[in-house]
Amino acid sequence: MNLEWLGYLAAVLTTLAFVPQAVKTIRSRDTSGISLGMYVVFIVGIVCWFCYGIVLGSWPMILANAVTFVLAAVILVLKLRHG
C-alpha cells in the first residue's frame, strides 16, 4: 500500500469526523458549550500541521488541515460574536 494513500485516508477520516459538529454549531449558532481557549489552541495546532504539511509537501496533510482550519475558524468567529 502506498503510504500517500494512508495519509489521504487519515486526512479524510479526521476531517469528516469534525464536520458534523461544525455543521451543527454553524447552523445553531450555539457556542455556549465550546471553550474559547480550546478553539484558539486547536486552530494554532491546525496551522502548525498545515505548515508542516507544506514543508513535507504532503498534500493529504495540507488539504485536510486547510478544510479543518476553515471550519474551526468559522466556529471561533461565532464563539467570539455570540459568546
Protein backbone atom coordinates (compact mmCIF):
# COMPACT_ATOMS: atom_id res chain seq x y z
CA MET A 1 0.00 0.00 0.00
CA ASN A 2 1.30 3.42 -0.94
CA LEU A 3 1.84 5.50 2.23
CA GLU A 4 0.44 8.58 0.50
CA TRP A 5 -2.94 6.84 0.29
CA LEU A 6 -2.75 6.09 4.00
CA GLY A 7 -2.25 9.82 4.54
CA TYR A 8 -5.28 10.63 2.39
CA LEU A 9 -7.38 8.10 4.31
CA ALA A 10 -6.31 9.55 7.66
CA ALA A 11 -6.94 13.10 6.41
CA VAL A 12 -10.41 12.29 5.12
CA LEU A 13 -11.44 10.43 8.27
CA THR A 14 -10.22 13.04 10.75
CA THR A 15 -11.68 15.91 8.75
CA LEU A 16 -15.01 14.14 8.27
CA ALA A 17 -15.16 13.40 11.99
CA PHE A 18 -15.08 17.15 12.65
CA VAL A 19 -17.70 18.13 10.04
CA PRO A 20 -20.93 17.11 11.87
CA GLN A 21 -20.03 19.15 14.96
CA ALA A 22 -19.02 22.10 12.81
CA VAL A 23 -22.25 21.96 10.79
CA LYS A 24 -24.36 21.69 13.96
CA THR A 25 -22.60 24.65 15.56
CA ILE A 26 -22.76 26.78 12.41
CA ARG A 27 -26.49 26.06 11.94
CA SER A 28 -27.50 26.59 15.55
CA ARG A 29 -25.03 29.40 16.30
CA ASP A 30 -24.92 27.90 19.81
CA THR A 31 -21.35 28.10 21.07
CA SER A 32 -22.12 28.03 24.78
CA GLY A 33 -20.61 24.57 25.20
CA ILE A 34 -17.41 25.45 23.35
CA SER A 35 -14.25 26.52 25.12
CA LEU A 36 -12.71 29.65 23.58
CA GLY A 37 -9.25 28.68 24.81
CA MET A 38 -9.54 25.18 23.33
CA TYR A 39 -10.53 26.54 19.92
CA VAL A 40 -7.67 29.05 19.89
CA VAL A 41 -5.17 26.31 20.73
CA PHE A 42 -6.85 23.94 18.23
CA ILE A 43 -6.55 26.48 15.40
CA VAL A 44 -2.91 27.19 16.23
CA GLY A 45 -2.29 23.44 16.10
CA ILE A 46 -4.05 23.16 12.75
CA VAL A 47 -1.93 25.98 11.34
CA CYS A 48 1.21 24.19 12.59
CA TRP A 49 0.12 20.92 10.94
CA PHE A 50 -0.69 22.83 7.74
CA CYS A 51 2.76 24.44 7.69
CA TYR A 52 4.40 21.09 8.45
CA GLY A 53 2.47 19.58 5.55
CA ILE A 54 3.76 22.33 3.25
CA VAL A 55 7.35 21.70 4.37
CA LEU A 56 6.92 17.98 3.71
CA GLY A 57 4.98 18.53 0.50
CA SER A 58 2.23 16.28 1.91
CA TRP A 59 -0.98 17.06 0.07
CA PRO A 60 -3.16 14.96 2.41
CA MET A 61 -1.89 16.97 5.38
CA ILE A 62 -2.21 20.29 3.55
CA LEU A 63 -5.75 19.69 2.29
CA ALA A 64 -7.15 18.19 5.49
CA ASN A 65 -5.79 20.98 7.64
CA ALA A 66 -6.93 23.68 5.22
CA VAL A 67 -10.52 22.36 5.37
CA THR A 68 -10.42 21.87 9.14
CA PHE A 69 -8.96 25.37 9.59
CA VAL A 70 -11.83 26.97 7.67
CA LEU A 71 -14.46 25.09 9.70
CA ALA A 72 -12.74 25.76 13.02
CA ALA A 73 -12.21 29.43 12.16
CA VAL A 74 -15.91 29.87 11.39
CA ILE A 75 -16.76 28.31 14.76
CA LEU A 76 -14.22 30.54 16.50
CA VAL A 77 -15.74 33.64 14.90
CA LEU A 78 -19.20 32.50 16.02
CA LYS A 79 -17.86 31.96 19.53
CA LEU A 80 -16.38 35.46 19.59
CA ARG A 81 -19.58 37.04 18.26
CA HIS A 82 -22.18 35.06 20.18
CA GLY A 83 -20.19 34.16 23.29
